[in-house]
């Protein structure tokens, strides 16, 4: 579908062109950013100038492109998909990301280093896992890497509920006066 009169094709991103197949981009009313990482909102200026949309949630952080540990997750109760932001991210090729993970064991090496570095604490992950177990999750879709489905959903929740990371690894040696 061509862009409506007044919309500038020089500002069109592949995403804008794709949504144009379903409705005119000028009718987009809001942009929901899960967090303020550049990989989420790096083209924000194009979205804001090519549509009538307003930014929700992270509008104060957007100009700074700061990494945010407090990103949002979105639950769709109809499809039973949990869009999990950084939780569940895996490293690999785009071909790897296109494959559904249905058993977690072989996938853990692609996830472990990211989660050790970017998750705040095992306590937070245990609280999240307790909450996640109350939802009938069919699929977990992180912002990077392969989606998790079938047995991998419960296996992932179990894995993060017993995962140690960042502050869990601090000891008194991290807080000593240098010699």
N, C-alpha and C. Protein backbone atom coordinates (compact mmCIF):
# COMPACT_ATOMS: atom_id res chain seq x y z
N UNK A 1 0.85 -1.17 0.00
CA UNK A 1 0.00 0.00 0.00
C UNK A 1 0.90 1.24 0.00
N UNK A 2 0.71 2.17 -0.90
CA UNK A 2 1.52 3.38 -0.92
C UNK A 2 1.24 4.25 0.30
N UNK A 3 2.23 5.05 0.64
CA UNK A 3 2.05 5.98 1.75
C UNK A 3 1.02 7.03 1.37
N UNK A 4 0.30 7.53 2.36
CA UNK A 4 -0.72 8.55 2.10
C UNK A 4 -0.08 9.85 1.67
N UNK A 5 -0.85 10.67 1.02
CA UNK A 5 -0.40 11.98 0.60
C UNK A 5 0.15 12.74 1.81
N UNK A 6 1.30 13.34 1.64
CA UNK A 6 1.90 14.10 2.72
C UNK A 6 2.93 13.30 3.50
N UNK A 7 2.95 11.97 3.37
CA UNK A 7 3.96 11.17 4.05
C UNK A 7 5.19 11.10 3.17
N UNK A 8 6.33 11.17 3.79
CA UNK A 8 7.56 11.25 3.04
C UNK A 8 8.21 9.87 2.94
N UNK A 9 8.42 9.41 1.72
CA UNK A 9 9.04 8.09 1.53
C UNK A 9 10.49 8.08 1.97
N UNK A 10 11.18 9.22 1.95
CA UNK A 10 12.57 9.25 2.36
C UNK A 10 12.70 8.94 3.86
N UNK A 11 11.65 9.08 4.62
CA UNK A 11 11.66 8.81 6.05
C UNK A 11 11.12 7.42 6.37
N UNK A 12 10.68 6.69 5.36
CA UNK A 12 10.04 5.39 5.59
C UNK A 12 11.08 4.34 5.96
N UNK A 13 10.81 3.61 7.02
CA UNK A 13 11.63 2.49 7.43
C UNK A 13 10.97 1.22 6.93
N UNK A 14 11.69 0.10 6.92
CA UNK A 14 11.03 -1.16 6.50
C UNK A 14 9.78 -1.45 7.34
N UNK A 15 9.81 -1.09 8.61
CA UNK A 15 8.65 -1.32 9.46
C UNK A 15 7.46 -0.48 9.03
N UNK A 16 7.72 0.80 8.72
CA UNK A 16 6.64 1.66 8.25
C UNK A 16 6.05 1.14 6.94
N UNK A 17 6.91 0.67 6.05
CA UNK A 17 6.42 0.13 4.79
C UNK A 17 5.59 -1.13 5.02
N UNK A 18 6.01 -1.95 5.99
CA UNK A 18 5.27 -3.18 6.29
C UNK A 18 3.90 -2.88 6.88
N UNK A 19 3.83 -1.96 7.87
CA UNK A 19 2.51 -1.67 8.43
C UNK A 19 1.62 -1.01 7.41
N UNK A 20 2.24 -0.36 6.40
CA UNK A 20 1.47 0.26 5.34
C UNK A 20 0.65 -0.75 4.54
N UNK A 21 1.01 -2.02 4.60
CA UNK A 21 0.23 -3.07 3.94
C UNK A 21 -1.09 -3.32 4.67
N UNK A 22 -1.16 -2.94 5.94
CA UNK A 22 -2.33 -3.23 6.76
C UNK A 22 -3.17 -2.00 7.09
N UNK A 23 -2.52 -0.86 7.24
CA UNK A 23 -3.24 0.39 7.47
C UNK A 23 -2.29 1.55 7.19
N UNK A 24 -2.81 2.73 6.90
CA UNK A 24 -1.95 3.88 6.61
C UNK A 24 -1.11 4.26 7.84
N UNK A 25 0.21 4.36 7.71
CA UNK A 25 1.05 4.73 8.86
C UNK A 25 0.63 6.04 9.53
N UNK A 26 0.01 6.93 8.78
CA UNK A 26 -0.43 8.19 9.39
C UNK A 26 -1.52 7.95 10.44
N UNK A 27 -2.15 6.78 10.41
CA UNK A 27 -3.20 6.45 11.38
C UNK A 27 -2.62 5.85 12.66
N UNK A 28 -1.32 5.59 12.70
CA UNK A 28 -0.69 5.06 13.90
C UNK A 28 -0.80 6.11 15.00
N UNK A 29 -1.36 5.74 16.14
CA UNK A 29 -1.63 6.73 17.17
C UNK A 29 -0.65 6.69 18.34
N UNK A 30 0.03 5.57 18.54
CA UNK A 30 0.94 5.48 19.68
C UNK A 30 2.08 4.52 19.36
N UNK A 31 3.22 4.80 19.94
CA UNK A 31 4.38 3.93 19.86
C UNK A 31 4.67 3.48 21.29
N UNK A 32 4.69 2.19 21.49
CA UNK A 32 4.93 1.64 22.82
C UNK A 32 6.33 1.05 22.84
N UNK A 33 7.26 1.69 23.53
CA UNK A 33 8.64 1.22 23.61
C UNK A 33 8.84 0.49 24.94
N UNK A 34 9.31 -0.75 24.85
CA UNK A 34 9.47 -1.54 26.08
C UNK A 34 10.59 -0.99 26.95
N UNK A 35 11.62 -0.42 26.33
CA UNK A 35 12.69 0.24 27.08
C UNK A 35 13.48 1.12 26.12
N UNK A 36 14.41 1.87 26.67
CA UNK A 36 15.04 2.92 25.90
C UNK A 36 16.37 2.54 25.26
N UNK A 37 16.59 1.29 24.97
CA UNK A 37 17.80 0.88 24.26
C UNK A 37 17.74 1.33 22.81
N UNK A 38 18.90 1.64 22.22
CA UNK A 38 18.90 2.00 20.80
C UNK A 38 18.33 0.91 19.90
N UNK A 39 18.48 -0.36 20.28
CA UNK A 39 17.94 -1.41 19.42
C UNK A 39 16.42 -1.44 19.42
N UNK A 40 15.81 -0.74 20.35
CA UNK A 40 14.35 -0.67 20.40
C UNK A 40 13.85 0.61 19.73
N UNK A 41 14.48 1.73 19.99
CA UNK A 41 13.92 3.00 19.50
C UNK A 41 14.93 3.86 18.75
N UNK A 42 15.91 3.25 18.10
CA UNK A 42 16.91 4.03 17.39
C UNK A 42 16.31 4.83 16.23
N UNK A 43 15.23 4.33 15.62
CA UNK A 43 14.60 5.06 14.52
C UNK A 43 13.40 5.86 15.00
N UNK A 44 13.37 6.16 16.29
CA UNK A 44 12.23 6.87 16.86
C UNK A 44 11.94 8.19 16.15
N UNK A 45 12.99 8.91 15.77
CA UNK A 45 12.76 10.19 15.10
C UNK A 45 11.96 10.01 13.81
N UNK A 46 12.21 8.94 13.08
CA UNK A 46 11.45 8.70 11.84
C UNK A 46 10.00 8.36 12.14
N UNK A 47 9.77 7.55 13.17
CA UNK A 47 8.40 7.20 13.54
C UNK A 47 7.63 8.45 13.98
N UNK A 48 8.30 9.29 14.74
CA UNK A 48 7.63 10.49 15.27
C UNK A 48 7.34 11.51 14.19
N UNK A 49 8.17 11.58 13.15
CA UNK A 49 7.93 12.56 12.09
C UNK A 49 7.12 12.00 10.93
N UNK A 50 7.05 10.67 10.80
CA UNK A 50 6.31 10.06 9.69
C UNK A 50 4.90 9.65 10.07
N UNK A 51 4.57 9.74 11.35
CA UNK A 51 3.24 9.35 11.82
C UNK A 51 2.71 10.43 12.76
N UNK A 52 1.50 10.26 13.20
CA UNK A 52 0.92 11.16 14.19
C UNK A 52 1.05 10.58 15.60
N UNK A 53 1.85 9.53 15.73
CA UNK A 53 1.96 8.79 16.99
C UNK A 53 2.65 9.58 18.08
N UNK A 54 2.25 9.26 19.29
CA UNK A 54 2.94 9.78 20.47
C UNK A 54 3.65 8.60 21.12
N UNK A 55 4.75 8.90 21.81
CA UNK A 55 5.52 7.86 22.48
C UNK A 55 4.96 7.63 23.87
N UNK A 56 4.83 6.36 24.25
CA UNK A 56 4.33 6.00 25.57
C UNK A 56 5.45 5.40 26.41
N UNK A 57 5.42 5.66 27.68
CA UNK A 57 6.26 5.06 28.71
C UNK A 57 7.65 5.65 28.86
N UNK A 58 8.46 5.66 27.81
CA UNK A 58 9.86 6.06 27.96
C UNK A 58 10.17 7.42 27.35
N UNK A 59 9.17 8.27 27.23
CA UNK A 59 9.39 9.53 26.53
C UNK A 59 10.50 10.39 27.13
N UNK A 60 10.73 10.33 28.44
CA UNK A 60 11.76 11.16 29.06
C UNK A 60 13.16 10.62 28.81
N UNK A 61 13.29 9.35 28.54
CA UNK A 61 14.59 8.75 28.33
C UNK A 61 14.97 8.65 26.86
N UNK A 62 14.01 8.72 25.98
CA UNK A 62 14.26 8.51 24.56
C UNK A 62 15.38 9.37 23.99
N UNK A 63 15.46 10.65 24.30
CA UNK A 63 16.52 11.45 23.69
C UNK A 63 17.93 11.01 24.10
N UNK A 64 18.05 10.28 25.20
CA UNK A 64 19.37 9.92 25.72
C UNK A 64 19.82 8.53 25.30
N UNK A 65 18.92 7.67 24.79
CA UNK A 65 19.22 6.30 24.41
C UNK A 65 19.99 5.58 25.51
N UNK A 66 19.50 5.69 26.75
CA UNK A 66 20.15 5.00 27.88
C UNK A 66 19.67 3.57 27.95
N UNK A 67 20.59 2.66 28.30
CA UNK A 67 20.17 1.26 28.51
C UNK A 67 19.32 1.22 29.76
N UNK A 68 18.26 0.48 29.71
CA UNK A 68 17.34 0.44 30.83
C UNK A 68 17.19 -0.97 31.35
N UNK A 69 17.44 -1.15 32.64
CA UNK A 69 17.26 -2.47 33.24
C UNK A 69 15.80 -2.70 33.58
N UNK A 70 15.02 -1.65 33.67
CA UNK A 70 13.62 -1.79 34.06
C UNK A 70 12.70 -1.85 32.86
N UNK A 71 13.01 -2.68 31.88
CA UNK A 71 12.17 -2.71 30.70
C UNK A 71 10.88 -3.48 30.97
N UNK A 72 9.93 -3.29 30.10
CA UNK A 72 8.60 -3.86 30.27
C UNK A 72 8.45 -5.17 29.50
N UNK A 73 7.58 -6.01 30.01
CA UNK A 73 7.18 -7.22 29.30
C UNK A 73 5.69 -7.06 28.99
N UNK A 74 5.26 -7.74 27.92
CA UNK A 74 3.87 -7.64 27.51
C UNK A 74 3.27 -9.03 27.39
N UNK A 75 2.12 -9.22 27.99
CA UNK A 75 1.41 -10.49 27.99
C UNK A 75 0.18 -10.36 27.10
N UNK A 76 0.04 -11.27 26.14
CA UNK A 76 -1.15 -11.32 25.31
C UNK A 76 -1.96 -12.53 25.75
N UNK A 77 -3.05 -12.31 26.47
CA UNK A 77 -3.83 -13.44 26.99
C UNK A 77 -4.56 -14.24 25.92
N UNK A 78 -4.75 -13.66 24.73
CA UNK A 78 -5.45 -14.38 23.67
C UNK A 78 -4.50 -15.40 23.03
N UNK A 79 -3.32 -14.95 22.61
CA UNK A 79 -2.36 -15.87 21.99
C UNK A 79 -1.55 -16.62 23.04
N UNK A 80 -1.58 -16.13 24.28
CA UNK A 80 -0.81 -16.67 25.41
C UNK A 80 0.69 -16.56 25.14
N UNK A 81 1.06 -15.43 24.52
CA UNK A 81 2.47 -15.13 24.25
C UNK A 81 2.94 -14.07 25.23
N UNK A 82 4.09 -14.34 25.85
CA UNK A 82 4.74 -13.36 26.71
C UNK A 82 5.89 -12.75 25.92
N UNK A 83 5.78 -11.46 25.62
CA UNK A 83 6.86 -10.72 24.97
C UNK A 83 7.76 -10.24 26.11
N UNK A 84 8.93 -10.88 26.25
CA UNK A 84 9.70 -10.80 27.49
C UNK A 84 10.85 -9.81 27.49
N UNK A 85 10.98 -8.97 26.49
CA UNK A 85 12.07 -7.98 26.49
C UNK A 85 13.42 -8.67 26.53
N UNK A 86 14.26 -8.30 27.50
CA UNK A 86 15.61 -8.88 27.61
C UNK A 86 15.62 -10.25 28.27
N UNK A 87 14.57 -10.63 28.94
CA UNK A 87 14.55 -11.92 29.61
C UNK A 87 14.31 -13.03 28.59
N UNK A 88 15.24 -13.97 28.52
CA UNK A 88 15.15 -15.04 27.53
C UNK A 88 15.96 -14.79 26.28
N UNK A 89 16.67 -13.67 26.22
CA UNK A 89 17.50 -13.34 25.06
C UNK A 89 18.53 -14.44 24.85
N UNK A 90 18.79 -14.73 23.57
CA UNK A 90 19.85 -15.68 23.22
C UNK A 90 20.70 -15.09 22.12
N UNK A 91 21.96 -15.45 22.13
CA UNK A 91 22.91 -14.97 21.13
C UNK A 91 23.06 -16.03 20.04
N UNK A 92 23.12 -15.60 18.82
CA UNK A 92 23.30 -16.52 17.70
C UNK A 92 23.04 -15.80 16.41
N UNK A 93 22.96 -16.54 15.35
CA UNK A 93 22.73 -15.96 14.02
C UNK A 93 21.24 -15.68 13.82
N UNK A 94 20.93 -14.98 12.75
CA UNK A 94 19.52 -14.73 12.45
C UNK A 94 18.81 -16.03 12.11
N UNK A 95 19.55 -16.99 11.58
CA UNK A 95 18.96 -18.31 11.31
C UNK A 95 18.60 -19.01 12.62
N UNK A 96 19.47 -18.86 13.64
CA UNK A 96 19.18 -19.43 14.96
C UNK A 96 17.91 -18.81 15.54
N UNK A 97 17.79 -17.49 15.39
CA UNK A 97 16.65 -16.77 15.95
C UNK A 97 15.34 -17.15 15.27
N UNK A 98 15.43 -17.66 14.06
CA UNK A 98 14.23 -18.04 13.32
C UNK A 98 13.70 -19.42 13.72
N UNK A 99 14.47 -20.15 14.52
CA UNK A 99 14.08 -21.51 14.92
C UNK A 99 13.44 -21.49 16.30
N UNK A 100 12.29 -22.10 16.41
CA UNK A 100 11.58 -22.21 17.69
C UNK A 100 12.34 -23.19 18.59
N UNK A 101 12.58 -22.78 19.84
CA UNK A 101 13.23 -23.65 20.82
C UNK A 101 12.14 -24.36 21.61
N UNK A 102 12.14 -25.68 21.57
CA UNK A 102 11.14 -26.46 22.29
C UNK A 102 11.75 -27.29 23.42
N UNK A 103 13.07 -27.31 23.51
CA UNK A 103 13.78 -27.95 24.61
C UNK A 103 14.94 -27.05 24.98
N UNK A 104 15.04 -26.67 26.23
CA UNK A 104 15.98 -25.63 26.65
C UNK A 104 17.42 -26.11 26.78
N UNK A 105 17.66 -27.35 27.11
CA UNK A 105 19.00 -27.82 27.47
C UNK A 105 20.08 -27.39 26.47
N UNK A 106 19.90 -27.64 25.19
CA UNK A 106 20.91 -27.28 24.20
C UNK A 106 20.97 -25.79 23.90
N UNK A 107 19.99 -25.05 24.36
CA UNK A 107 19.90 -23.61 24.08
C UNK A 107 20.55 -22.76 25.18
N UNK A 108 20.73 -23.32 26.36
CA UNK A 108 21.27 -22.56 27.49
C UNK A 108 22.61 -21.89 27.19
N UNK A 109 23.56 -22.54 26.50
CA UNK A 109 24.82 -21.84 26.21
C UNK A 109 24.65 -20.54 25.43
N UNK A 110 23.59 -20.41 24.66
CA UNK A 110 23.34 -19.18 23.91
C UNK A 110 22.73 -18.09 24.79
N UNK A 111 22.27 -18.46 25.98
CA UNK A 111 21.57 -17.52 26.86
C UNK A 111 22.37 -17.13 28.09
N UNK A 112 23.20 -18.02 28.56
CA UNK A 112 23.79 -17.89 29.89
C UNK A 112 24.63 -16.63 30.09
N UNK A 113 25.56 -16.33 29.20
CA UNK A 113 26.43 -15.17 29.43
C UNK A 113 25.64 -13.86 29.43
N UNK A 114 24.67 -13.75 28.54
CA UNK A 114 23.85 -12.53 28.51
C UNK A 114 23.11 -12.36 29.84
N UNK A 115 22.49 -13.42 30.33
CA UNK A 115 21.72 -13.32 31.56
C UNK A 115 22.61 -13.07 32.78
N UNK A 116 23.82 -13.65 32.80
CA UNK A 116 24.74 -13.37 33.92
C UNK A 116 25.11 -11.89 33.95
N UNK A 117 25.27 -11.28 32.77
CA UNK A 117 25.70 -9.88 32.69
C UNK A 117 24.54 -8.89 32.88
N UNK A 118 23.38 -9.17 32.29
CA UNK A 118 22.33 -8.16 32.25
C UNK A 118 21.18 -8.34 33.23
N UNK A 119 21.04 -9.48 33.81
CA UNK A 119 20.01 -9.64 34.83
C UNK A 119 20.58 -9.16 36.17
N UNK A 120 19.76 -8.53 36.96
CA UNK A 120 20.23 -7.87 38.17
C UNK A 120 20.53 -8.83 39.31
N UNK A 121 19.60 -9.72 39.61
CA UNK A 121 19.82 -10.62 40.76
C UNK A 121 18.95 -11.86 40.65
N UNK A 122 19.43 -12.91 41.27
CA UNK A 122 18.67 -14.14 41.32
C UNK A 122 17.35 -13.95 42.05
N UNK A 123 17.33 -13.08 43.06
CA UNK A 123 16.08 -12.83 43.79
C UNK A 123 15.02 -12.28 42.86
N UNK A 124 15.40 -11.33 42.02
CA UNK A 124 14.45 -10.75 41.07
C UNK A 124 13.96 -11.82 40.10
N UNK A 125 14.86 -12.67 39.63
CA UNK A 125 14.46 -13.73 38.71
C UNK A 125 13.52 -14.73 39.38
N UNK A 126 13.76 -15.05 40.65
CA UNK A 126 12.86 -15.95 41.37
C UNK A 126 11.47 -15.34 41.51
N UNK A 127 11.41 -14.05 41.81
CA UNK A 127 10.11 -13.38 41.91
C UNK A 127 9.40 -13.39 40.57
N UNK A 128 10.15 -13.13 39.49
CA UNK A 128 9.56 -13.17 38.15
C UNK A 128 9.03 -14.57 37.84
N UNK A 129 9.84 -15.60 38.14
CA UNK A 129 9.44 -16.98 37.85
C UNK A 129 8.16 -17.35 38.60
N UNK A 130 8.07 -16.91 39.85
CA UNK A 130 6.86 -17.18 40.63
C UNK A 130 5.63 -16.55 39.95
N UNK A 131 5.78 -15.33 39.48
CA UNK A 131 4.69 -14.65 38.78
C UNK A 131 4.38 -15.36 37.46
N UNK A 132 5.43 -15.70 36.69
CA UNK A 132 5.24 -16.30 35.37
C UNK A 132 4.52 -17.64 35.46
N UNK A 133 4.75 -18.36 36.53
CA UNK A 133 4.09 -19.67 36.69
C UNK A 133 2.57 -19.54 36.84
N UNK A 134 2.08 -18.34 37.13
CA UNK A 134 0.64 -18.15 37.27
C UNK A 134 -0.05 -17.91 35.93
N UNK A 135 0.74 -17.72 34.87
CA UNK A 135 0.19 -17.44 33.53
C UNK A 135 0.21 -18.70 32.67
N UNK A 136 -0.81 -18.90 31.84
CA UNK A 136 -0.79 -20.03 30.91
C UNK A 136 0.01 -19.67 29.65
N UNK A 137 1.32 -19.63 29.78
CA UNK A 137 2.20 -19.17 28.69
C UNK A 137 2.38 -20.28 27.66
N UNK A 138 2.06 -19.95 26.41
CA UNK A 138 2.27 -20.87 25.29
C UNK A 138 3.63 -20.64 24.66
N UNK A 139 4.07 -19.36 24.69
CA UNK A 139 5.33 -19.01 24.05
C UNK A 139 5.94 -17.80 24.75
N UNK A 140 7.27 -17.81 24.88
CA UNK A 140 8.01 -16.65 25.37
C UNK A 140 8.82 -16.12 24.20
N UNK A 141 8.62 -14.84 23.90
CA UNK A 141 9.31 -14.23 22.76
C UNK A 141 10.17 -13.07 23.26
N UNK A 142 11.49 -13.30 23.37
CA UNK A 142 12.38 -12.21 23.77
C UNK A 142 12.65 -11.28 22.59
N UNK A 143 13.24 -10.12 22.89
CA UNK A 143 13.48 -9.16 21.82
C UNK A 143 14.62 -9.58 20.90
N UNK A 144 15.50 -10.46 21.35
CA UNK A 144 16.60 -10.97 20.51
C UNK A 144 16.67 -12.47 20.67
N UNK A 145 16.90 -13.15 19.57
CA UNK A 145 17.09 -14.59 19.64
C UNK A 145 15.80 -15.36 19.42
N UNK A 146 15.91 -16.65 19.67
CA UNK A 146 14.82 -17.57 19.35
C UNK A 146 13.70 -17.53 20.37
N UNK A 147 12.47 -17.69 19.89
CA UNK A 147 11.33 -17.81 20.81
C UNK A 147 11.33 -19.19 21.46
N UNK A 148 10.73 -19.26 22.65
CA UNK A 148 10.63 -20.51 23.40
C UNK A 148 9.19 -20.97 23.39
N UNK A 149 8.97 -22.26 23.13
CA UNK A 149 7.62 -22.81 23.11
C UNK A 149 7.64 -24.23 23.67
N UNK A 150 6.45 -24.76 23.91
CA UNK A 150 6.33 -26.13 24.40
C UNK A 150 7.02 -26.29 25.74
N UNK A 151 7.74 -27.40 25.89
CA UNK A 151 8.43 -27.71 27.15
C UNK A 151 9.46 -26.64 27.53
N UNK A 152 10.03 -25.95 26.53
CA UNK A 152 11.06 -24.94 26.80
C UNK A 152 10.54 -23.80 27.67
N UNK A 153 9.24 -23.51 27.62
CA UNK A 153 8.67 -22.43 28.43
C UNK A 153 8.85 -22.74 29.92
N UNK A 154 8.36 -23.89 30.36
CA UNK A 154 8.51 -24.28 31.76
C UNK A 154 9.96 -24.49 32.15
N UNK A 155 10.74 -25.05 31.24
CA UNK A 155 12.17 -25.26 31.52
C UNK A 155 12.89 -23.93 31.72
N UNK A 156 12.53 -22.92 30.91
CA UNK A 156 13.14 -21.60 31.07
C UNK A 156 12.76 -20.99 32.41
N UNK A 157 11.50 -21.07 32.76
CA UNK A 157 11.06 -20.51 34.04
C UNK A 157 11.79 -21.20 35.20
N UNK A 158 11.94 -22.51 35.13
CA UNK A 158 12.70 -23.24 36.15
C UNK A 158 14.15 -22.81 36.16
N UNK A 159 14.74 -22.64 34.97
CA UNK A 159 16.16 -22.26 34.85
C UNK A 159 16.42 -20.90 35.50
N UNK A 160 15.60 -19.90 35.18
CA UNK A 160 15.85 -18.56 35.75
C UNK A 160 15.51 -18.50 37.23
N UNK A 161 14.64 -19.38 37.69
CA UNK A 161 14.28 -19.34 39.12
C UNK A 161 15.44 -19.79 40.00
N UNK A 162 16.44 -20.43 39.41
CA UNK A 162 17.60 -20.89 40.18
C UNK A 162 18.89 -20.33 39.58
N UNK A 163 18.82 -19.16 38.97
CA UNK A 163 19.96 -18.57 38.26
C UNK A 163 20.62 -17.51 39.13
N UNK A 164 21.94 -17.52 39.17
CA UNK A 164 22.64 -16.46 39.91
C UNK A 164 23.34 -15.54 38.91
N UNK A 165 23.33 -14.26 39.21
CA UNK A 165 23.87 -13.26 38.30
C UNK A 165 24.29 -12.03 39.08
N UNK A 166 24.87 -11.09 38.41
CA UNK A 166 25.39 -9.82 38.91
C UNK A 166 25.55 -9.70 40.41
N UNK A 167 24.58 -9.14 41.14
CA UNK A 167 24.81 -8.88 42.57
C UNK A 167 24.97 -10.16 43.38
N UNK A 168 24.48 -11.28 42.86
CA UNK A 168 24.66 -12.55 43.55
C UNK A 168 26.14 -12.94 43.64
N UNK A 169 26.96 -12.40 42.76
CA UNK A 169 28.38 -12.77 42.69
C UNK A 169 29.28 -11.79 43.44
N UNK A 170 28.72 -10.76 44.01
CA UNK A 170 29.54 -9.80 44.76
C UNK A 170 29.95 -10.39 46.10
N UNK A 171 31.18 -10.08 46.48
CA UNK A 171 31.69 -10.51 47.79
C UNK A 171 32.38 -9.31 48.44
N UNK A 172 32.87 -9.50 49.63
CA UNK A 172 33.60 -8.43 50.31
C UNK A 172 34.83 -8.01 49.50
N UNK A 173 35.38 -8.91 48.72
CA UNK A 173 36.54 -8.58 47.88
C UNK A 173 36.23 -7.47 46.89
N UNK A 174 34.97 -7.32 46.53
CA UNK A 174 34.58 -6.22 45.64
C UNK A 174 34.53 -4.88 46.37
N UNK A 175 34.56 -4.93 47.70
CA UNK A 175 34.45 -3.71 48.51
C UNK A 175 35.56 -3.66 49.54
N UNK A 176 36.78 -3.54 49.05
CA UNK A 176 37.94 -3.40 49.92
C UNK A 176 38.70 -2.14 49.53
N UNK A 177 39.36 -1.56 50.50
CA UNK A 177 40.20 -0.40 50.24
C UNK A 177 41.48 -0.90 49.56
N UNK A 178 41.85 -0.30 48.43
CA UNK A 178 43.07 -0.75 47.74
C UNK A 178 44.31 -0.59 48.63
N UNK A 179 45.26 -1.49 48.47
CA UNK A 179 46.50 -1.45 49.26
C UNK A 179 47.33 -0.24 48.86
